[in-house]
Amino acid sequence: FPFNSFITAYDWFSYLYPDAHVEFWFTLFHTYPNLVFTLLHAKFGPRFSTGKRIVFSCAIMFTALAVIPWIESAPNNDFPPSLYFTMIGVLFTGTGAAILFSTLCAFASEIFPP
């Protein structure tokens, strides 16, 4: 869901940043943290409870998704800083999505053992 919210607003981001290829950068800033945090979660995830991981990942994603439109609609919206903050928000949604997906897969494996 979080990544789709950025991709479906592609026209809006293309209008705000005509010289940046936002669809390319969105994919990079979402996928690489997603991969890294999925691997980290596989190693260190069991140290934290399932509920705490779900709440933490949802808080990261929802905060980033709430802040992005506020950054973009702020007055004196300069091109490079707002684009950088947008990409940081995409990075945080990728991180939150990785933790949430890994947690849900781990939870499902506990419910339905092989």
N, C-alpha and C. Protein backbone atom coordinates (compact mmCIF):
# COMPACT_ATOMS: atom_id res chain seq x y z
N PHE A 1 0.80 -1.21 0.00
CA PHE A 1 0.00 0.00 0.00
C PHE A 1 0.84 1.28 0.00
N PRO A 2 1.84 1.42 0.84
CA PRO A 2 2.55 2.70 0.86
C PRO A 2 3.23 3.04 -0.45
N PHE A 3 3.85 2.05 -1.07
CA PHE A 3 4.53 2.33 -2.33
C PHE A 3 3.54 2.69 -3.42
N ASN A 4 2.37 2.06 -3.41
CA ASN A 4 1.35 2.38 -4.40
C ASN A 4 0.84 3.81 -4.24
N SER A 5 0.84 4.31 -3.02
CA SER A 5 0.38 5.70 -2.84
C SER A 5 1.34 6.69 -3.48
N PHE A 6 2.62 6.35 -3.56
CA PHE A 6 3.57 7.22 -4.25
C PHE A 6 3.48 7.07 -5.76
N ILE A 7 3.32 5.84 -6.22
CA ILE A 7 3.29 5.60 -7.66
C ILE A 7 2.01 6.14 -8.28
N THR A 8 0.88 6.04 -7.58
CA THR A 8 -0.36 6.54 -8.17
C THR A 8 -0.38 8.06 -8.22
N ALA A 9 0.43 8.71 -7.42
CA ALA A 9 0.54 10.17 -7.48
C ALA A 9 1.70 10.60 -8.37
N TYR A 10 2.05 9.74 -9.31
CA TYR A 10 3.18 10.00 -10.20
C TYR A 10 3.03 11.32 -10.96
N ASP A 11 1.84 11.60 -11.47
CA ASP A 11 1.62 12.84 -12.23
C ASP A 11 1.86 14.07 -11.35
N TRP A 12 1.42 13.97 -10.11
CA TRP A 12 1.61 15.10 -9.20
C TRP A 12 3.09 15.34 -8.92
N PHE A 13 3.83 14.27 -8.63
CA PHE A 13 5.26 14.41 -8.38
C PHE A 13 6.02 14.83 -9.63
N SER A 14 5.57 14.37 -10.80
CA SER A 14 6.21 14.80 -12.05
C SER A 14 5.96 16.28 -12.31
N TYR A 15 4.81 16.77 -11.90
CA TYR A 15 4.53 18.19 -12.03
C TYR A 15 5.40 19.01 -11.07
N LEU A 16 5.56 18.52 -9.84
CA LEU A 16 6.37 19.23 -8.86
C LEU A 16 7.86 19.20 -9.20
N TYR A 17 8.33 18.08 -9.73
CA TYR A 17 9.75 17.89 -10.03
C TYR A 17 9.91 17.47 -11.49
N PRO A 18 9.78 18.40 -12.41
CA PRO A 18 9.81 18.03 -13.83
C PRO A 18 11.17 17.50 -14.30
N ASP A 19 12.25 17.88 -13.66
CA ASP A 19 13.57 17.44 -14.11
C ASP A 19 14.04 16.16 -13.43
N ALA A 20 13.34 15.70 -12.43
CA ALA A 20 13.73 14.47 -11.71
C ALA A 20 12.85 13.33 -12.21
N HIS A 21 13.43 12.18 -12.38
CA HIS A 21 12.69 10.99 -12.78
C HIS A 21 12.20 10.29 -11.52
N VAL A 22 11.10 10.81 -11.00
CA VAL A 22 10.65 10.37 -9.68
C VAL A 22 10.29 8.90 -9.63
N GLU A 23 9.75 8.32 -10.70
CA GLU A 23 9.39 6.91 -10.65
C GLU A 23 10.63 6.03 -10.48
N PHE A 24 11.73 6.43 -11.05
CA PHE A 24 12.99 5.71 -10.89
C PHE A 24 13.50 5.84 -9.45
N TRP A 25 13.51 7.06 -8.94
CA TRP A 25 14.03 7.29 -7.59
C TRP A 25 13.12 6.69 -6.52
N PHE A 26 11.80 6.72 -6.74
CA PHE A 26 10.89 6.10 -5.78
C PHE A 26 11.19 4.61 -5.65
N THR A 27 11.42 3.96 -6.77
CA THR A 27 11.69 2.52 -6.75
C THR A 27 12.99 2.23 -6.00
N LEU A 28 14.02 3.00 -6.26
CA LEU A 28 15.30 2.78 -5.56
C LEU A 28 15.19 3.04 -4.07
N PHE A 29 14.57 4.17 -3.71
CA PHE A 29 14.50 4.54 -2.30
C PHE A 29 13.51 3.67 -1.52
N HIS A 30 12.68 2.92 -2.20
CA HIS A 30 11.77 2.01 -1.51
C HIS A 30 12.32 0.59 -1.48
N THR A 31 12.92 0.14 -2.56
CA THR A 31 13.33 -1.25 -2.67
C THR A 31 14.59 -1.57 -1.90
N TYR A 32 15.60 -0.72 -1.98
CA TYR A 32 16.86 -1.02 -1.28
C TYR A 32 16.71 -1.08 0.24
N PRO A 33 16.05 -0.10 0.87
CA PRO A 33 15.83 -0.25 2.31
C PRO A 33 14.95 -1.45 2.65
N ASN A 34 14.02 -1.75 1.76
CA ASN A 34 13.16 -2.90 1.97
C ASN A 34 13.98 -4.18 2.02
N LEU A 35 14.91 -4.33 1.11
CA LEU A 35 15.77 -5.51 1.09
C LEU A 35 16.68 -5.57 2.32
N VAL A 36 17.30 -4.45 2.64
CA VAL A 36 18.22 -4.41 3.79
C VAL A 36 17.50 -4.72 5.09
N PHE A 37 16.35 -4.08 5.30
CA PHE A 37 15.64 -4.28 6.56
C PHE A 37 14.94 -5.63 6.62
N THR A 38 14.63 -6.24 5.50
CA THR A 38 14.12 -7.61 5.53
C THR A 38 15.21 -8.56 6.01
N LEU A 39 16.42 -8.37 5.51
CA LEU A 39 17.54 -9.21 5.97
C LEU A 39 17.87 -8.97 7.44
N LEU A 40 17.88 -7.69 7.85
CA LEU A 40 18.13 -7.38 9.26
C LEU A 40 17.03 -7.95 10.16
N HIS A 41 15.81 -7.91 9.66
CA HIS A 41 14.70 -8.43 10.45
C HIS A 41 14.80 -9.95 10.58
N ALA A 42 15.28 -10.61 9.56
CA ALA A 42 15.46 -12.06 9.66
C ALA A 42 16.48 -12.42 10.72
N LYS A 43 17.49 -11.57 10.89
CA LYS A 43 18.54 -11.83 11.88
C LYS A 43 18.12 -11.40 13.29
N PHE A 44 17.59 -10.17 13.41
CA PHE A 44 17.35 -9.59 14.74
C PHE A 44 15.87 -9.47 15.11
N GLY A 45 14.97 -9.81 14.23
CA GLY A 45 13.54 -9.66 14.49
C GLY A 45 13.01 -10.42 15.68
N PRO A 46 13.45 -11.66 15.88
CA PRO A 46 12.89 -12.43 17.01
C PRO A 46 13.20 -11.84 18.39
N ARG A 47 14.08 -10.86 18.46
CA ARG A 47 14.38 -10.24 19.77
C ARG A 47 13.23 -9.37 20.28
N PHE A 48 12.33 -8.98 19.39
CA PHE A 48 11.23 -8.09 19.74
C PHE A 48 9.91 -8.82 19.55
N SER A 49 8.91 -8.44 20.31
CA SER A 49 7.61 -9.10 20.21
C SER A 49 6.93 -8.74 18.88
N THR A 50 6.04 -9.59 18.46
CA THR A 50 5.33 -9.38 17.20
C THR A 50 4.50 -8.11 17.24
N GLY A 51 3.81 -7.88 18.33
CA GLY A 51 2.97 -6.69 18.45
C GLY A 51 3.78 -5.41 18.36
N LYS A 52 4.93 -5.37 19.03
CA LYS A 52 5.76 -4.17 18.98
C LYS A 52 6.30 -3.91 17.58
N ARG A 53 6.66 -4.97 16.87
CA ARG A 53 7.16 -4.80 15.51
C ARG A 53 6.06 -4.29 14.58
N ILE A 54 4.84 -4.78 14.74
CA ILE A 54 3.73 -4.32 13.90
C ILE A 54 3.42 -2.87 14.18
N VAL A 55 3.32 -2.51 15.44
CA VAL A 55 3.00 -1.11 15.80
C VAL A 55 4.12 -0.17 15.34
N PHE A 56 5.37 -0.56 15.53
CA PHE A 56 6.50 0.27 15.13
C PHE A 56 6.53 0.48 13.61
N SER A 57 6.33 -0.59 12.85
CA SER A 57 6.39 -0.46 11.39
C SER A 57 5.21 0.36 10.86
N CYS A 58 4.03 0.16 11.42
CA CYS A 58 2.88 0.96 10.98
C CYS A 58 3.06 2.43 11.35
N ALA A 59 3.65 2.69 12.51
CA ALA A 59 3.89 4.08 12.91
C ALA A 59 4.87 4.76 11.96
N ILE A 60 5.91 4.03 11.55
CA ILE A 60 6.87 4.60 10.59
C ILE A 60 6.18 4.92 9.28
N MET A 61 5.43 3.95 8.75
CA MET A 61 4.79 4.15 7.45
C MET A 61 3.74 5.25 7.48
N PHE A 62 2.89 5.23 8.48
CA PHE A 62 1.81 6.22 8.53
C PHE A 62 2.34 7.62 8.77
N THR A 63 3.39 7.75 9.57
CA THR A 63 4.00 9.06 9.78
C THR A 63 4.59 9.59 8.48
N ALA A 64 5.33 8.75 7.78
CA ALA A 64 5.92 9.19 6.51
C ALA A 64 4.84 9.53 5.49
N LEU A 65 3.79 8.73 5.43
CA LEU A 65 2.71 9.01 4.48
C LEU A 65 1.95 10.27 4.83
N ALA A 66 1.86 10.61 6.10
CA ALA A 66 1.17 11.84 6.51
C ALA A 66 2.03 13.08 6.30
N VAL A 67 3.34 12.93 6.40
CA VAL A 67 4.23 14.08 6.30
C VAL A 67 4.50 14.48 4.86
N ILE A 68 4.50 13.53 3.94
CA ILE A 68 4.85 13.82 2.54
C ILE A 68 3.93 14.89 1.93
N PRO A 69 2.62 14.78 2.00
CA PRO A 69 1.79 15.84 1.42
C PRO A 69 1.99 17.19 2.10
N TRP A 70 2.26 17.16 3.40
CA TRP A 70 2.50 18.41 4.11
C TRP A 70 3.78 19.08 3.61
N ILE A 71 4.82 18.29 3.35
CA ILE A 71 6.08 18.83 2.82
C ILE A 71 5.85 19.42 1.44
N GLU A 72 5.12 18.71 0.61
CA GLU A 72 4.92 19.14 -0.77
C GLU A 72 4.04 20.37 -0.88
N SER A 73 3.10 20.54 0.02
CA SER A 73 2.19 21.68 -0.06
C SER A 73 2.64 22.87 0.77
N ALA A 74 3.80 22.79 1.38
CA ALA A 74 4.29 23.89 2.22
C ALA A 74 4.64 25.09 1.35
N PRO A 75 4.43 26.30 1.86
CA PRO A 75 4.85 27.48 1.10
C PRO A 75 6.38 27.52 1.02
N ASN A 76 6.88 28.20 0.01
CA ASN A 76 8.33 28.28 -0.24
C ASN A 76 8.92 26.89 -0.46
N ASN A 77 8.21 26.10 -1.23
CA ASN A 77 8.64 24.74 -1.53
C ASN A 77 9.75 24.79 -2.56
N ASP A 78 10.98 24.69 -2.11
CA ASP A 78 12.12 24.71 -3.02
C ASP A 78 12.31 23.32 -3.60
N PHE A 79 12.84 23.28 -4.81
CA PHE A 79 12.97 22.01 -5.53
C PHE A 79 13.87 20.99 -4.82
N PRO A 80 15.15 21.25 -4.59
CA PRO A 80 15.96 20.16 -4.03
C PRO A 80 15.59 19.74 -2.62
N PRO A 81 15.39 20.66 -1.66
CA PRO A 81 15.10 20.17 -0.30
C PRO A 81 13.80 19.37 -0.20
N SER A 82 12.75 19.82 -0.86
CA SER A 82 11.50 19.08 -0.75
C SER A 82 11.60 17.72 -1.44
N LEU A 83 12.35 17.64 -2.52
CA LEU A 83 12.56 16.35 -3.17
C LEU A 83 13.35 15.42 -2.26
N TYR A 84 14.35 15.95 -1.58
CA TYR A 84 15.13 15.13 -0.65
C TYR A 84 14.27 14.62 0.50
N PHE A 85 13.45 15.50 1.06
CA PHE A 85 12.57 15.07 2.15
C PHE A 85 11.54 14.05 1.66
N THR A 86 11.08 14.19 0.43
CA THR A 86 10.16 13.22 -0.14
C THR A 86 10.83 11.86 -0.26
N MET A 87 12.06 11.85 -0.73
CA MET A 87 12.78 10.58 -0.87
C MET A 87 13.08 9.95 0.50
N ILE A 88 13.33 10.76 1.49
CA ILE A 88 13.52 10.23 2.85
C ILE A 88 12.22 9.60 3.34
N GLY A 89 11.09 10.23 3.02
CA GLY A 89 9.79 9.64 3.36
C GLY A 89 9.56 8.32 2.66
N VAL A 90 9.95 8.23 1.39
CA VAL A 90 9.83 6.97 0.65
C VAL A 90 10.73 5.92 1.29
N LEU A 91 11.92 6.32 1.71
CA LEU A 91 12.85 5.40 2.37
C LEU A 91 12.24 4.85 3.66
N PHE A 92 11.60 5.73 4.44
CA PHE A 92 10.97 5.27 5.68
C PHE A 92 9.78 4.35 5.41
N THR A 93 9.03 4.60 4.36
CA THR A 93 7.93 3.68 4.05
C THR A 93 8.46 2.32 3.59
N GLY A 94 9.58 2.31 2.88
CA GLY A 94 10.20 1.04 2.51
C GLY A 94 10.69 0.28 3.73
N THR A 95 11.25 1.00 4.67
CA THR A 95 11.70 0.38 5.92
C THR A 95 10.53 -0.19 6.70
N GLY A 96 9.48 0.60 6.85
CA GLY A 96 8.31 0.13 7.58
C GLY A 96 7.63 -1.05 6.89
N ALA A 97 7.58 -1.01 5.57
CA ALA A 97 6.97 -2.12 4.83
C ALA A 97 7.77 -3.40 5.00
N ALA A 98 9.09 -3.29 5.01
CA ALA A 98 9.93 -4.47 5.19
C ALA A 98 9.72 -5.10 6.57
N ILE A 99 9.68 -4.27 7.59
CA ILE A 99 9.49 -4.79 8.95
C ILE A 99 8.10 -5.40 9.09
N LEU A 100 7.09 -4.73 8.55
CA LEU A 100 5.73 -5.24 8.65
C LEU A 100 5.56 -6.55 7.89
N PHE A 101 6.05 -6.60 6.66
CA PHE A 101 5.90 -7.82 5.87
C PHE A 101 6.65 -8.99 6.49
N SER A 102 7.86 -8.74 6.94
CA SER A 102 8.64 -9.80 7.58
C SER A 102 7.96 -10.29 8.86
N THR A 103 7.42 -9.37 9.62
CA THR A 103 6.73 -9.74 10.85
C THR A 103 5.49 -10.58 10.56
N LEU A 104 4.72 -10.17 9.55
CA LEU A 104 3.51 -10.93 9.22
C LEU A 104 3.84 -12.32 8.67
N CYS A 105 4.92 -12.42 7.90
CA CYS A 105 5.35 -13.74 7.41
C CYS A 105 5.81 -14.62 8.58
N ALA A 106 6.54 -14.03 9.52
CA ALA A 106 6.98 -14.80 10.69
C ALA A 106 5.79 -15.23 11.54
N PHE A 107 4.81 -14.33 11.68
CA PHE A 107 3.62 -14.67 12.44
C PHE A 107 2.83 -15.79 11.77
N ALA A 108 2.71 -15.73 10.44
CA ALA A 108 2.01 -16.77 9.72
C ALA A 108 2.72 -18.11 9.83
N SER A 109 4.05 -18.07 9.87
CA SER A 109 4.79 -19.33 10.00
C SER A 109 4.61 -19.95 11.39
N GLU A 110 4.33 -19.12 12.39
CA GLU A 110 4.08 -19.64 13.73
C GLU A 110 2.68 -20.25 13.83
N ILE A 111 1.75 -19.67 13.12
CA ILE A 111 0.37 -20.17 13.17
C ILE A 111 0.22 -21.48 12.40
N PHE A 112 0.82 -21.51 11.21
CA PHE A 112 0.70 -22.68 10.34
C PHE A 112 2.07 -23.32 10.14
N PRO A 113 2.55 -24.09 11.09
CA PRO A 113 3.87 -24.72 10.93
C PRO A 113 3.84 -25.76 9.81
N PRO A 114 5.00 -26.06 9.23
CA PRO A 114 5.01 -27.03 8.13
C PRO A 114 4.69 -28.43 8.59
